[in-house]
Each structure stands twice: as C-alpha cells, then as structure tokens.
Amino acid sequence: MKEAKRLLSRRQFVATAATAAVTAPAIFSQTAQAASRNGKLNHASIGVGGMGFHDLQQFKSHPNVQVVALCDVDASHLKKASELIPGARLYSDWRELLKKEGRKIDSVNVTVPDHNHFPIAMQALRNGKHVYCQKPMCHDVAEVRVLTQTAVKSGVVTQLGTQIASGKGDRTAVRWIKEGAIGKIKHAYLCSNRPGAIDTYRLVGPRPAEGQEPPAHLNWDLWTGTAPLRPYTPEIYHPTKWRAWQDFGTGWSGDIGCHIFDAVWKGLGLKPPISVVAEVQQSWKDSPERRADTWPQGDHITWMFPGNDFTEGKVLPLEWFDGAFYPPQEIRSLYNGKEYPAESAMLIGTEGALLIPHGGMPVLLPEDKFGAHTVPELEERNHYHHFVDACLGGPKTESHFAQSGPMTEAIILGTVAIRVPGQLLEWDTLNMKFPNYPDAEKYLRRTYRKGWEVKGA
C-alpha cells in the first residue's frame, strides 16, 4: 500500500485516457454515415462461425433488422449462415464487404479473433457505420486507445459484446454500488475459474515448426490478417484454441475480464489504473518457448486504481484470478459456506460485501444483515437489441466504446503485465508509458504483417 500511495502522488498517472490526442489511421477514408431506411437497420455480420453465428441469430431476431451481408474467411461457416439468411450478399474478405456495401449498410458486428478486431471496427467507424464489437475491443492497448477516440469523434452508435452487462444482475449491482449499499469500497476480487478453462490453454510443446495445407474452405491468409503468417496447423488455431496464442488472442483475462469487470467499473466509476503487476503459472514462467508464444494457464493480476467518492482509500486494489489462481479463502468463505461462483466479482466495503456472480443476481453479504434490502425493478434487456434500438434513435447503449474502451484498456494492460511477471508497472496513461520499466512498452502495440499495416495504432 505504501507503494500505491507513492504512485498516487504522481498526478500524471491519474489523467484520463480521453486526454491523450491520437490521430486516426490515415489509411482509412471518411465517408458519410448510411441512413436507416423505413425504420429498418441494414446490417452486415462479419464473422459468422461459433460466437459469430450466435451473434447473427441475435441480430436476426430483432424485427427491425435486415441482415443484408455476411462475411467469413471460412466457407463452411458462411454456407451455414447463408442458409439462415437466404439472399444475403456473401463475402470472404471484410475489406471487400465494407468497400462494396457502402451506403447499403448501416451497421456491422465484428465477431472474429481478437487480433483482427481493430482494423475491421476502425474501417467501419471511418465509413460511418454503427459498430457492435465482441470483447475484448482490441488485441493491444494502443489499438483500444485509438478506436475509443475515433468512436467518440465519429458520433455513431457502438456496443462492446459484454452481453451480461445488459442483464438485471449486473445493472442491479451497479445500482447498489452507486447507492453505497455496502459503504465505501475497500478492495475488489474478480475471478474466472470456470471448470475446463485450463484445458483450453493446454498446449503440448511449442508452436509446430511445420504446418500443412489449409483446408479448401479456409482462407488462411485472411484469417491470419494483421498477425505474423504462421504455418496452418489443425485444431490449435482455427476454430478451437486461438485464444491461447499471443499472436491471436488475449488470454483468459483479456477475454472474460471484460465481463467480470463491467459492473465493478461502472458502479465505481473507475479511471485508468496507477499500476499493474502479475503473478503467473510457474511452468509457463520457466519456459522461454511458451512465454514467447502462448498465454499462461493461470494468472493473478493486481491493479491499483485511483480512489474516488465510492472508495474508502486514496487507492483501490483490484485483483484478478484465473486458472489455478483463486481468490483468498477468507474472501470465498464470506459466501456463508456456499459454493463460490467460479466467475464472479466480490467487493469488500466498510459496511459489508457484494458478490456479483457472472450472469446471476448480486448478493449482499452477510445475507442476514441485508435480507430486506430493496431490489430495483429493472426491465429485461437484450444487449444486441439495445444496440439496434440505439442505432434507430433509441436510448444510449449499455457498453458504448467511450465507457467500455477505457475499461478494456485497463484489462489489456493486465496482459502486458503477464508478459513481464513479477514486475510492477507504473502506468502513465496520458503518455502511454511505463516510466519505471520502459522495456514493457513494446507490448503496448504490435508490428502488423506487411500489407496489413494500420497507421496510428
């Protein structure tokens, strides 16, 4: 805590992300935003396999949406989606879709591996399209910063794919935090110890030195996109374990962290962190080959956030646990001996505790003290439909980029800390620097593959 207080005195560390001036990538051209016709939203789905097919179904279910274009690098995914949306125009390359569709579309959703979120979402924003982007918003900190600022300047509707944020549970938790139901917040413990998650990252040995010819239905060059071109190997990249690789994913914390952070971030009104440090799986830490290529199967990340009117102290410690790293037993035991939710957030306040299970209703603890606490009456809300309604002139989205961008940036800073385990990183958000450890700054942005460069990121 002494270290945190010392860091807090450095005023430049608590400047907001929005104050950093970053020029939007020059390779994109600005065109006028398409206007919705006849109260309908003409929508294009980019990425229609796996989660993308689920997203497509959600958009299709809105009565005022017309899905007019579909895109996927995998022809088998595109075929299945086209059977759901007969007559939709089909593309394998998102660049071709955005160029040819022009004013024919009003909005897009981006549901592809993390490493290609930024170029697709950025081009759509520069073309004046409303954007729904799956979490995490981007692969790198620098990308998040640019995309957030561009979204704000563009004035279009945006939504991060944190579907649970629109649910009654998370929204109730936000309300209780803001009302001070458990007093001032002293500490936050977030976790994702989902059964089977470690197996997602159980990779045998280093990256294969040689690959094989990609299947005919997969355009491997387009799938790889901004990342280095690696030999295709079945089962370990597409469509199964790409999240485990640093080239393509952001690890378990980067992926699920956006869900678990959301209510805590909104309820407390958090600003950019002061510092971050990570503890990781020892076998991964001891393996140069794995550290160069993959994410660990477990990590424990600690951020120090500047305090505010909702916190007890001048700083708020927030800890993240996944894989084989669990919140302390004394924290888990606060749930009255019940099974602790594998994915959840626990806030410790001056008057009690608040448990926010992922996808469930929050619980005030101890329950015998708060049993009569009023539960707000909130309407059911579909995250996807809320985006559509906002595009058509309805209320602002729950997870617009101006709000979810700084949150994502803080989360992705955690992945930087993972790559230099044990090293406390002081964060100068205004200048996007680590003053005490500049060597880590190379992890804030990638070098894109030749032909896929995105200036300004």
Protein backbone atom coordinates (compact mmCIF):
# COMPACT_ATOMS: atom_id res chain seq x y z
CA MET A 1 0.00 0.00 0.00
CA LYS A 2 2.92 2.38 0.64
CA GLU A 3 3.99 1.82 -2.94
CA ALA A 4 0.47 2.54 -4.15
CA LYS A 5 0.29 5.78 -2.19
CA ARG A 6 3.63 6.87 -3.59
CA LEU A 7 2.42 6.20 -7.08
CA LEU A 8 -0.79 8.04 -6.46
CA SER A 9 1.13 11.25 -5.86
CA ARG A 10 2.27 11.22 -9.45
CA ARG A 11 -0.55 13.27 -10.90
CA GLN A 12 0.10 12.35 -14.49
CA PHE A 13 -0.86 8.76 -13.76
CA VAL A 14 -4.47 9.61 -12.99
CA ALA A 15 -5.18 11.59 -16.14
CA THR A 16 -7.99 10.02 -18.15
CA ALA A 17 -7.40 8.14 -21.37
CA ALA A 18 -9.54 10.60 -23.27
CA THR A 19 -6.99 13.38 -22.80
CA ALA A 20 -4.42 11.68 -24.99
CA ALA A 21 -4.58 13.04 -28.52
CA VAL A 22 -4.14 10.30 -31.10
CA THR A 23 -4.68 10.80 -34.82
CA ALA A 24 -6.95 8.29 -36.53
CA PRO A 25 -5.24 6.00 -39.05
CA ALA A 26 -4.64 7.85 -42.29
CA ILE A 27 -5.18 4.79 -44.48
CA PHE A 28 -8.92 4.96 -43.84
CA SER A 29 -11.18 7.31 -45.75
CA GLN A 30 -14.11 9.08 -44.15
CA THR A 31 -17.49 8.64 -45.84
CA ALA A 32 -20.94 9.74 -44.84
CA GLN A 33 -22.88 7.58 -42.41
CA ALA A 34 -25.56 5.47 -44.03
CA ALA A 35 -29.09 6.45 -43.09
CA SER A 36 -31.54 3.82 -41.88
CA ARG A 37 -34.41 3.36 -44.32
CA ASN A 38 -38.05 2.84 -43.37
CA GLY A 39 -37.19 2.34 -39.73
CA LYS A 40 -35.07 -0.70 -40.59
CA LEU A 41 -31.40 -1.25 -39.84
CA ASN A 42 -29.47 -2.74 -42.73
CA HIS A 43 -26.84 -4.83 -41.02
CA ALA A 44 -23.73 -6.80 -42.01
CA SER A 45 -22.29 -9.61 -39.88
CA ILE A 46 -18.51 -10.02 -40.10
CA GLY A 47 -17.54 -13.38 -38.61
CA VAL A 48 -20.41 -15.87 -38.58
CA GLY A 49 -18.84 -19.02 -37.11
CA GLY A 50 -19.04 -20.07 -33.45
CA MET A 51 -19.89 -16.99 -31.38
CA GLY A 52 -20.45 -15.16 -34.66
CA PHE A 53 -23.35 -17.46 -35.54
CA HIS A 54 -24.91 -16.76 -32.14
CA ASP A 55 -24.49 -13.02 -32.69
CA LEU A 56 -26.04 -13.33 -36.14
CA GLN A 57 -29.07 -15.11 -34.70
CA GLN A 58 -29.50 -12.38 -32.11
CA PHE A 59 -29.46 -9.60 -34.70
CA LYS A 60 -31.78 -11.54 -36.99
CA SER A 61 -34.29 -11.87 -34.15
CA HIS A 62 -34.86 -8.10 -33.97
CA PRO A 63 -37.95 -7.19 -36.01
CA ASN A 64 -36.36 -4.02 -37.37
CA VAL A 65 -33.11 -5.57 -38.59
CA GLN A 66 -32.41 -6.64 -42.13
CA VAL A 67 -29.19 -8.65 -42.31
CA VAL A 68 -28.10 -7.93 -45.87
CA ALA A 69 -24.46 -9.05 -45.95
CA LEU A 70 -22.39 -11.82 -44.38
CA CYS A 71 -18.63 -12.29 -44.22
CA ASP A 72 -16.37 -15.08 -43.04
CA VAL A 73 -12.97 -16.44 -44.06
CA ASP A 74 -14.31 -19.97 -43.61
CA ALA A 75 -16.66 -21.00 -46.42
CA SER A 76 -18.28 -23.67 -44.24
CA HIS A 77 -19.31 -21.02 -41.72
CA LEU A 78 -20.52 -18.75 -44.50
CA LYS A 79 -22.63 -21.53 -46.01
CA LYS A 80 -24.38 -22.25 -42.70
CA ALA A 81 -25.05 -18.56 -42.13
CA SER A 82 -26.38 -18.06 -45.66
CA GLU A 83 -28.92 -20.81 -45.05
CA LEU A 84 -30.15 -18.84 -42.04
CA ILE A 85 -30.18 -15.57 -44.03
CA PRO A 86 -31.08 -16.51 -47.62
CA GLY A 87 -30.43 -13.75 -50.11
CA ALA A 88 -27.70 -12.05 -48.08
CA ARG A 89 -24.69 -10.90 -50.08
CA LEU A 90 -21.67 -13.07 -49.24
CA TYR A 91 -18.03 -12.10 -48.75
CA SER A 92 -14.85 -13.81 -47.57
CA ASP A 93 -12.88 -10.55 -47.17
CA TRP A 94 -14.22 -7.87 -44.82
CA ARG A 95 -12.36 -5.18 -46.76
CA GLU A 96 -14.33 -6.05 -49.88
CA LEU A 97 -17.59 -6.04 -47.93
CA LEU A 98 -17.04 -2.58 -46.47
CA LYS A 99 -15.96 -1.20 -49.84
CA LYS A 100 -18.76 -2.67 -51.93
CA GLU A 101 -21.62 -2.32 -49.46
CA GLY A 102 -21.02 1.39 -48.98
CA ARG A 103 -24.32 3.10 -48.17
CA LYS A 104 -26.23 -0.17 -48.46
CA ILE A 105 -25.47 -0.96 -44.81
CA ASP A 106 -25.97 0.99 -41.62
CA SER A 107 -24.18 -1.21 -39.10
CA VAL A 108 -21.82 -4.13 -38.63
CA ASN A 109 -20.92 -6.58 -35.92
CA VAL A 110 -17.31 -7.72 -35.59
CA THR A 111 -17.09 -11.26 -34.23
CA VAL A 112 -13.67 -12.54 -35.26
CA PRO A 113 -10.47 -13.45 -33.35
CA ASP A 114 -9.11 -10.61 -31.22
CA HIS A 115 -6.16 -9.71 -33.45
CA ASN A 116 -8.46 -8.54 -36.24
CA HIS A 117 -10.98 -6.56 -34.15
CA PHE A 118 -9.23 -3.23 -34.57
CA PRO A 119 -8.75 -2.96 -38.36
CA ILE A 120 -12.32 -4.08 -39.07
CA ALA A 121 -14.01 -1.93 -36.42
CA MET A 122 -11.82 1.04 -37.30
CA GLN A 123 -12.65 0.90 -41.00
CA ALA A 124 -16.35 0.58 -40.20
CA LEU A 125 -16.20 3.63 -37.92
CA ARG A 126 -14.37 5.66 -40.53
CA ASN A 127 -17.09 4.65 -43.00
CA GLY A 128 -19.73 6.00 -40.63
CA LYS A 129 -21.19 2.62 -39.65
CA HIS A 130 -22.58 1.74 -36.24
CA VAL A 131 -20.36 -0.94 -34.68
CA TYR A 132 -21.04 -3.84 -32.35
CA CYS A 133 -17.68 -5.46 -31.49
CA GLN A 134 -17.10 -8.57 -29.46
CA LYS A 135 -14.89 -8.39 -26.40
CA PRO A 136 -12.14 -7.56 -25.86
CA MET A 137 -12.47 -4.48 -28.00
CA CYS A 138 -8.93 -4.88 -29.37
CA HIS A 139 -5.82 -7.00 -29.00
CA ASP A 140 -3.47 -4.20 -27.92
CA VAL A 141 -3.61 -1.19 -25.61
CA ALA A 142 -2.70 1.24 -28.39
CA GLU A 143 -5.50 -0.12 -30.58
CA VAL A 144 -8.07 0.34 -27.82
CA ARG A 145 -6.99 3.95 -27.30
CA VAL A 146 -7.32 4.84 -30.99
CA LEU A 147 -10.60 3.01 -31.52
CA THR A 148 -12.17 4.61 -28.45
CA GLN A 149 -11.24 8.10 -29.54
CA THR A 150 -12.35 7.50 -33.11
CA ALA A 151 -15.70 6.17 -31.94
CA VAL A 152 -16.31 9.26 -29.84
CA LYS A 153 -15.39 11.57 -32.73
CA SER A 154 -17.49 9.66 -35.26
CA GLY A 155 -20.73 10.02 -33.33
CA VAL A 156 -22.02 6.60 -34.39
CA VAL A 157 -23.55 4.03 -32.04
CA THR A 158 -21.18 1.46 -30.55
CA GLN A 159 -21.54 -1.52 -28.25
CA LEU A 160 -18.98 -3.93 -26.75
CA GLY A 161 -20.08 -7.54 -26.65
CA THR A 162 -20.45 -7.72 -22.86
CA GLN A 163 -23.92 -9.22 -23.08
CA ILE A 164 -24.33 -9.77 -19.34
CA ALA A 165 -23.93 -6.02 -18.76
CA SER A 166 -27.48 -5.53 -20.03
CA GLY A 167 -28.89 -8.13 -17.65
CA LYS A 168 -30.75 -7.38 -14.42
CA GLY A 169 -27.94 -8.82 -12.31
CA ASP A 170 -25.13 -6.53 -13.42
CA ARG A 171 -27.39 -3.49 -13.59
CA THR A 172 -28.65 -4.17 -10.06
CA ALA A 173 -25.05 -4.47 -8.84
CA VAL A 174 -24.18 -1.12 -10.43
CA ARG A 175 -27.17 0.47 -8.72
CA TRP A 176 -26.25 -0.93 -5.29
CA ILE A 177 -22.62 0.18 -5.60
CA LYS A 178 -23.64 3.71 -6.52
CA GLU A 179 -26.20 3.79 -3.69
CA GLY A 180 -23.49 2.84 -1.21
CA ALA A 181 -25.31 -0.31 -0.09
CA ILE A 182 -22.10 -1.73 1.44
CA GLY A 183 -20.49 1.60 2.25
CA LYS A 184 -17.20 2.69 0.80
CA ILE A 185 -15.34 0.05 -1.22
CA LYS A 186 -12.01 -1.12 0.21
CA HIS A 187 -10.96 -3.96 -2.10
CA ALA A 188 -12.19 -5.85 -5.16
CA TYR A 189 -11.63 -9.52 -6.03
CA LEU A 190 -12.53 -10.73 -9.52
CA CYS A 191 -12.16 -14.27 -10.81
CA SER A 192 -12.82 -16.67 -13.64
CA ASN A 193 -12.13 -20.21 -12.52
CA ARG A 194 -14.51 -21.82 -14.99
CA PRO A 195 -14.22 -25.62 -15.00
CA GLY A 196 -12.37 -26.75 -18.10
CA ALA A 197 -10.90 -23.34 -18.85
CA ILE A 198 -7.37 -24.54 -18.18
CA ASP A 199 -7.81 -27.24 -20.83
CA THR A 200 -8.44 -24.52 -23.40
CA TYR A 201 -4.83 -23.49 -22.86
CA ARG A 202 -3.34 -26.97 -22.50
CA LEU A 203 -0.95 -26.95 -25.44
CA VAL A 204 1.61 -29.69 -25.89
CA GLY A 205 5.06 -28.29 -26.58
CA PRO A 206 5.96 -25.11 -28.53
CA ARG A 207 4.41 -23.96 -31.79
CA PRO A 208 4.76 -26.60 -34.54
CA ALA A 209 7.73 -25.82 -36.77
CA GLU A 210 5.91 -27.08 -39.84
CA GLY A 211 2.27 -26.95 -40.74
CA GLN A 212 0.11 -28.33 -43.51
CA GLU A 213 -2.01 -27.07 -46.34
CA PRO A 214 -5.11 -25.29 -45.02
CA PRO A 215 -8.42 -26.92 -45.92
CA ALA A 216 -10.03 -25.65 -49.11
CA HIS A 217 -12.85 -23.96 -47.24
CA LEU A 218 -10.50 -21.76 -45.14
CA ASN A 219 -8.67 -18.67 -46.41
CA TRP A 220 -5.72 -18.86 -44.01
CA ASP A 221 -4.15 -15.61 -45.21
CA LEU A 222 -7.32 -13.64 -44.43
CA TRP A 223 -7.78 -15.44 -41.10
CA THR A 224 -4.22 -14.51 -40.10
CA GLY A 225 -4.79 -10.87 -41.07
CA THR A 226 -2.61 -8.49 -39.04
CA ALA A 227 -0.70 -11.27 -37.25
CA PRO A 228 2.51 -12.93 -38.43
CA LEU A 229 1.81 -15.58 -41.05
CA ARG A 230 2.23 -18.92 -39.26
CA PRO A 231 2.04 -22.37 -40.84
CA TYR A 232 -1.51 -23.69 -40.63
CA THR A 233 -1.96 -26.50 -38.12
CA PRO A 234 -5.39 -28.04 -37.44
CA GLU A 235 -7.09 -27.80 -34.05
CA ILE A 236 -4.71 -25.37 -32.36
CA TYR A 237 -5.67 -22.13 -34.13
CA HIS A 238 -8.92 -22.19 -36.09
CA PRO A 239 -11.51 -22.74 -34.83
CA THR A 240 -10.55 -24.03 -31.40
CA LYS A 241 -7.63 -22.63 -29.39
CA TRP A 242 -6.60 -19.35 -30.98
CA ARG A 243 -7.20 -17.51 -27.68
CA ALA A 244 -4.22 -19.36 -26.19
CA TRP A 245 -1.74 -17.81 -28.64
CA GLN A 246 -0.30 -14.33 -28.14
CA ASP A 247 -0.45 -13.67 -31.89
CA PHE A 248 -4.22 -14.01 -31.99
CA GLY A 249 -5.82 -13.88 -28.53
CA THR A 250 -5.50 -12.01 -25.25
CA GLY A 251 -5.59 -14.93 -22.86
CA TRP A 252 -8.30 -15.78 -20.38
CA SER A 253 -8.12 -12.47 -18.52
CA GLY A 254 -8.37 -10.47 -21.74
CA ASP A 255 -11.36 -12.45 -22.96
CA ILE A 256 -13.51 -12.98 -19.86
CA GLY A 257 -12.18 -9.99 -17.92
CA CYS A 258 -14.45 -7.62 -19.85
CA HIS A 259 -17.50 -9.46 -18.49
CA ILE A 260 -16.39 -9.63 -14.86
CA PHE A 261 -15.02 -6.07 -14.75
CA ASP A 262 -18.07 -4.40 -16.24
CA ALA A 263 -20.39 -3.85 -13.25
CA VAL A 264 -17.45 -3.01 -10.98
CA TRP A 265 -16.07 -0.48 -13.47
CA LYS A 266 -19.42 1.24 -13.99
CA GLY A 267 -20.54 1.14 -10.38
CA LEU A 268 -17.32 2.64 -9.05
CA GLY A 269 -16.70 4.99 -11.98
CA LEU A 270 -13.10 3.82 -12.23
CA LYS A 271 -10.43 5.77 -14.07
CA PRO A 272 -7.19 4.45 -15.63
CA PRO A 273 -5.04 2.45 -13.18
CA ILE A 274 -1.94 3.75 -11.46
CA SER A 275 -0.04 0.46 -11.65
CA VAL A 276 -0.38 -3.21 -12.52
CA VAL A 277 1.59 -6.35 -11.66
CA ALA A 278 1.03 -10.03 -12.47
CA GLU A 279 1.85 -13.41 -10.95
CA VAL A 280 1.68 -16.31 -13.41
CA GLN A 281 1.79 -20.08 -13.71
CA GLN A 282 5.31 -21.13 -12.73
CA SER A 283 5.84 -23.70 -15.51
CA TRP A 284 4.94 -21.07 -18.13
CA LYS A 285 7.22 -18.53 -16.45
CA ASP A 286 10.10 -21.01 -16.57
CA SER A 287 9.65 -21.83 -20.27
CA PRO A 288 11.10 -19.28 -22.73
CA GLU A 289 9.39 -21.10 -25.62
CA ARG A 290 5.92 -20.87 -24.09
CA ARG A 291 6.42 -17.30 -22.87
CA ALA A 292 7.29 -16.24 -26.41
CA ASP A 293 4.19 -17.78 -27.95
CA THR A 294 1.30 -18.62 -25.63
CA TRP A 295 -0.58 -17.27 -22.63
CA PRO A 296 -0.28 -18.99 -19.24
CA GLN A 297 -2.97 -21.35 -17.99
CA GLY A 298 -3.41 -19.23 -14.89
CA ASP A 299 -2.57 -15.77 -13.62
CA HIS A 300 -3.15 -13.34 -10.76
CA ILE A 301 -3.17 -9.67 -11.75
CA THR A 302 -3.33 -6.74 -9.33
CA TRP A 303 -4.23 -3.22 -10.42
CA MET A 304 -4.10 -0.13 -8.24
CA PHE A 305 -6.81 2.34 -9.24
CA PRO A 306 -7.10 5.92 -8.02
CA GLY A 307 -9.73 6.21 -5.30
CA ASN A 308 -12.86 8.35 -5.58
CA ASP A 309 -16.06 9.12 -3.69
CA PHE A 310 -17.07 5.44 -3.77
CA THR A 311 -13.86 4.09 -2.25
CA GLU A 312 -12.54 4.14 1.29
CA GLY A 313 -8.94 4.97 0.47
CA LYS A 314 -6.96 7.06 -1.97
CA VAL A 315 -6.30 3.92 -3.97
CA LEU A 316 -8.40 0.85 -4.69
CA PRO A 317 -6.66 -2.54 -5.03
CA LEU A 318 -8.40 -4.72 -7.61
CA GLU A 319 -7.24 -8.32 -8.04
CA TRP A 320 -7.98 -10.78 -10.83
CA PHE A 321 -7.61 -14.58 -10.53
CA ASP A 322 -7.99 -17.27 -13.20
CA GLY A 323 -6.89 -20.83 -13.90
CA ALA A 324 -5.29 -22.31 -10.78
CA PHE A 325 -5.21 -18.93 -9.02
CA TYR A 326 -8.20 -18.40 -6.72
CA PRO A 327 -9.40 -15.51 -4.54
CA PRO A 328 -8.25 -15.92 -0.91
CA GLN A 329 -10.16 -18.47 1.12
CA GLU A 330 -11.24 -15.81 3.61
CA ILE A 331 -12.95 -13.96 0.76
CA ARG A 332 -14.64 -17.06 -0.64
CA SER A 333 -15.83 -18.06 2.83
CA LEU A 334 -17.86 -14.85 3.08
CA TYR A 335 -20.49 -16.58 0.94
CA ASN A 336 -21.84 -18.37 4.03
CA GLY A 337 -20.25 -21.70 3.21
CA LYS A 338 -21.98 -21.90 -0.19
CA GLU A 339 -20.10 -22.85 -3.33
CA TYR A 340 -18.28 -19.74 -4.50
CA PRO A 341 -19.24 -18.76 -8.08
CA ALA A 342 -16.47 -19.77 -10.47
CA GLU A 343 -16.85 -16.48 -12.34
CA SER A 344 -17.68 -13.52 -10.15
CA ALA A 345 -16.67 -10.25 -8.54
CA MET A 346 -16.56 -9.63 -4.78
CA LEU A 347 -16.42 -6.09 -3.43
CA ILE A 348 -15.44 -5.56 0.18
CA GLY A 349 -16.99 -2.45 1.69
CA THR A 350 -16.96 -0.69 5.02
CA GLU A 351 -20.49 -1.96 5.78
CA GLY A 352 -20.48 -5.39 4.15
CA ALA A 353 -19.67 -7.18 0.92
CA LEU A 354 -21.23 -7.51 -2.53
CA LEU A 355 -20.92 -10.70 -4.57
CA ILE A 356 -21.69 -10.39 -8.29
CA PRO A 357 -21.94 -13.85 -9.92
CA HIS A 358 -21.39 -13.76 -13.69
CA GLY A 359 -24.84 -13.93 -15.25
CA GLY A 360 -26.69 -14.03 -11.91
CA MET A 361 -28.24 -11.69 -9.41
CA PRO A 362 -25.87 -9.96 -6.95
CA VAL A 363 -25.85 -10.89 -3.27
CA LEU A 364 -25.33 -8.51 -0.35
CA LEU A 365 -23.34 -10.10 2.47
CA PRO A 366 -23.89 -11.03 5.21
CA GLU A 367 -27.31 -12.03 3.95
CA ASP A 368 -28.98 -11.81 7.37
CA LYS A 369 -27.98 -8.13 7.54
CA PHE A 370 -29.18 -7.18 4.07
CA GLY A 371 -32.11 -9.57 3.61
CA ALA A 372 -34.64 -6.76 3.39
CA HIS A 373 -32.60 -4.58 1.04
CA THR A 374 -34.68 -3.33 -1.87
CA VAL A 375 -34.04 -4.91 -5.26
CA PRO A 376 -34.62 -2.35 -8.02
CA GLU A 377 -37.29 -3.09 -10.61
CA LEU A 378 -35.48 -3.27 -13.93
CA GLU A 379 -36.87 -4.29 -17.29
CA GLU A 380 -35.42 -7.19 -19.24
CA ARG A 381 -32.95 -6.04 -21.86
CA ASN A 382 -31.36 -7.79 -24.82
CA HIS A 383 -27.83 -6.45 -25.36
CA TYR A 384 -27.99 -6.87 -29.14
CA HIS A 385 -31.46 -5.42 -29.48
CA HIS A 386 -30.47 -2.49 -27.29
CA PHE A 387 -27.72 -1.73 -29.82
CA VAL A 388 -30.18 -1.91 -32.70
CA ASP A 389 -32.68 0.33 -30.91
CA ALA A 390 -29.94 2.88 -30.25
CA CYS A 391 -28.97 2.84 -33.92
CA LEU A 392 -32.60 3.62 -34.75
CA GLY A 393 -32.71 6.55 -32.35
CA GLY A 394 -33.40 4.80 -29.05
CA PRO A 395 -31.61 5.11 -25.68
CA LYS A 396 -27.83 5.02 -25.46
CA THR A 397 -26.20 1.60 -25.40
CA GLU A 398 -25.11 -0.07 -22.19
CA SER A 399 -21.49 -0.67 -23.26
CA HIS A 400 -20.65 2.11 -25.70
CA PHE A 401 -16.96 2.49 -26.53
CA ALA A 402 -16.50 5.78 -24.65
CA GLN A 403 -17.24 3.80 -21.49
CA SER A 404 -16.05 0.30 -22.29
CA GLY A 405 -12.89 1.44 -24.10
CA PRO A 406 -11.04 2.72 -21.01
CA MET A 407 -12.15 -0.42 -19.15
CA THR A 408 -10.80 -2.64 -21.92
CA GLU A 409 -7.56 -0.67 -21.95
CA ALA A 410 -7.06 -1.36 -18.24
CA ILE A 411 -7.77 -5.07 -18.76
CA ILE A 412 -5.35 -5.37 -21.68
CA LEU A 413 -2.72 -3.63 -19.55
CA GLY A 414 -3.03 -6.76 -17.43
CA THR A 415 -1.89 -8.87 -20.38
CA VAL A 416 1.19 -6.65 -20.68
CA ALA A 417 1.94 -7.32 -17.00
CA ILE A 418 1.57 -11.06 -17.63
CA ARG A 419 4.40 -10.89 -20.14
CA VAL A 420 6.77 -9.38 -17.55
CA PRO A 421 5.65 -11.39 -14.50
CA GLY A 422 6.53 -10.02 -11.08
CA GLN A 423 7.44 -6.59 -12.43
CA LEU A 424 5.37 -3.70 -11.06
CA LEU A 425 4.44 -1.45 -13.97
CA GLU A 426 3.71 2.18 -13.16
CA TRP A 427 1.25 3.46 -15.77
CA ASP A 428 1.43 6.97 -17.23
CA THR A 429 -1.88 6.91 -19.08
CA LEU A 430 -1.51 10.37 -20.64
CA ASN A 431 1.69 9.43 -22.45
CA MET A 432 1.07 5.66 -22.62
CA LYS A 433 4.36 4.90 -20.91
CA PHE A 434 5.74 2.75 -18.09
CA PRO A 435 8.16 5.28 -16.53
CA ASN A 436 9.75 2.73 -14.22
CA TYR A 437 10.06 -0.08 -16.79
CA PRO A 438 10.14 1.13 -20.43
CA ASP A 439 11.07 -2.35 -21.69
CA ALA A 440 7.41 -3.37 -21.30
CA GLU A 441 6.21 -0.67 -23.69
CA LYS A 442 6.94 -2.92 -26.67
CA TYR A 443 3.88 -4.94 -25.63
CA LEU A 444 1.52 -1.97 -25.94
CA ARG A 445 1.34 -2.29 -29.73
CA ARG A 446 2.18 -4.88 -32.35
CA THR A 447 4.03 -4.67 -35.63
CA TYR A 448 1.44 -5.67 -38.22
CA ARG A 449 2.19 -8.08 -41.01
CA LYS A 450 3.29 -6.45 -44.26
CA GLY A 451 0.26 -5.40 -46.25
CA TRP A 452 -1.92 -5.23 -43.14
CA GLU A 453 -0.41 -2.15 -41.51
CA VAL A 454 -2.74 0.19 -39.65
CA LYS A 455 -1.22 3.62 -39.24
CA GLY A 456 -1.86 5.35 -35.95
CA ALA A 457 -2.19 2.20 -33.86
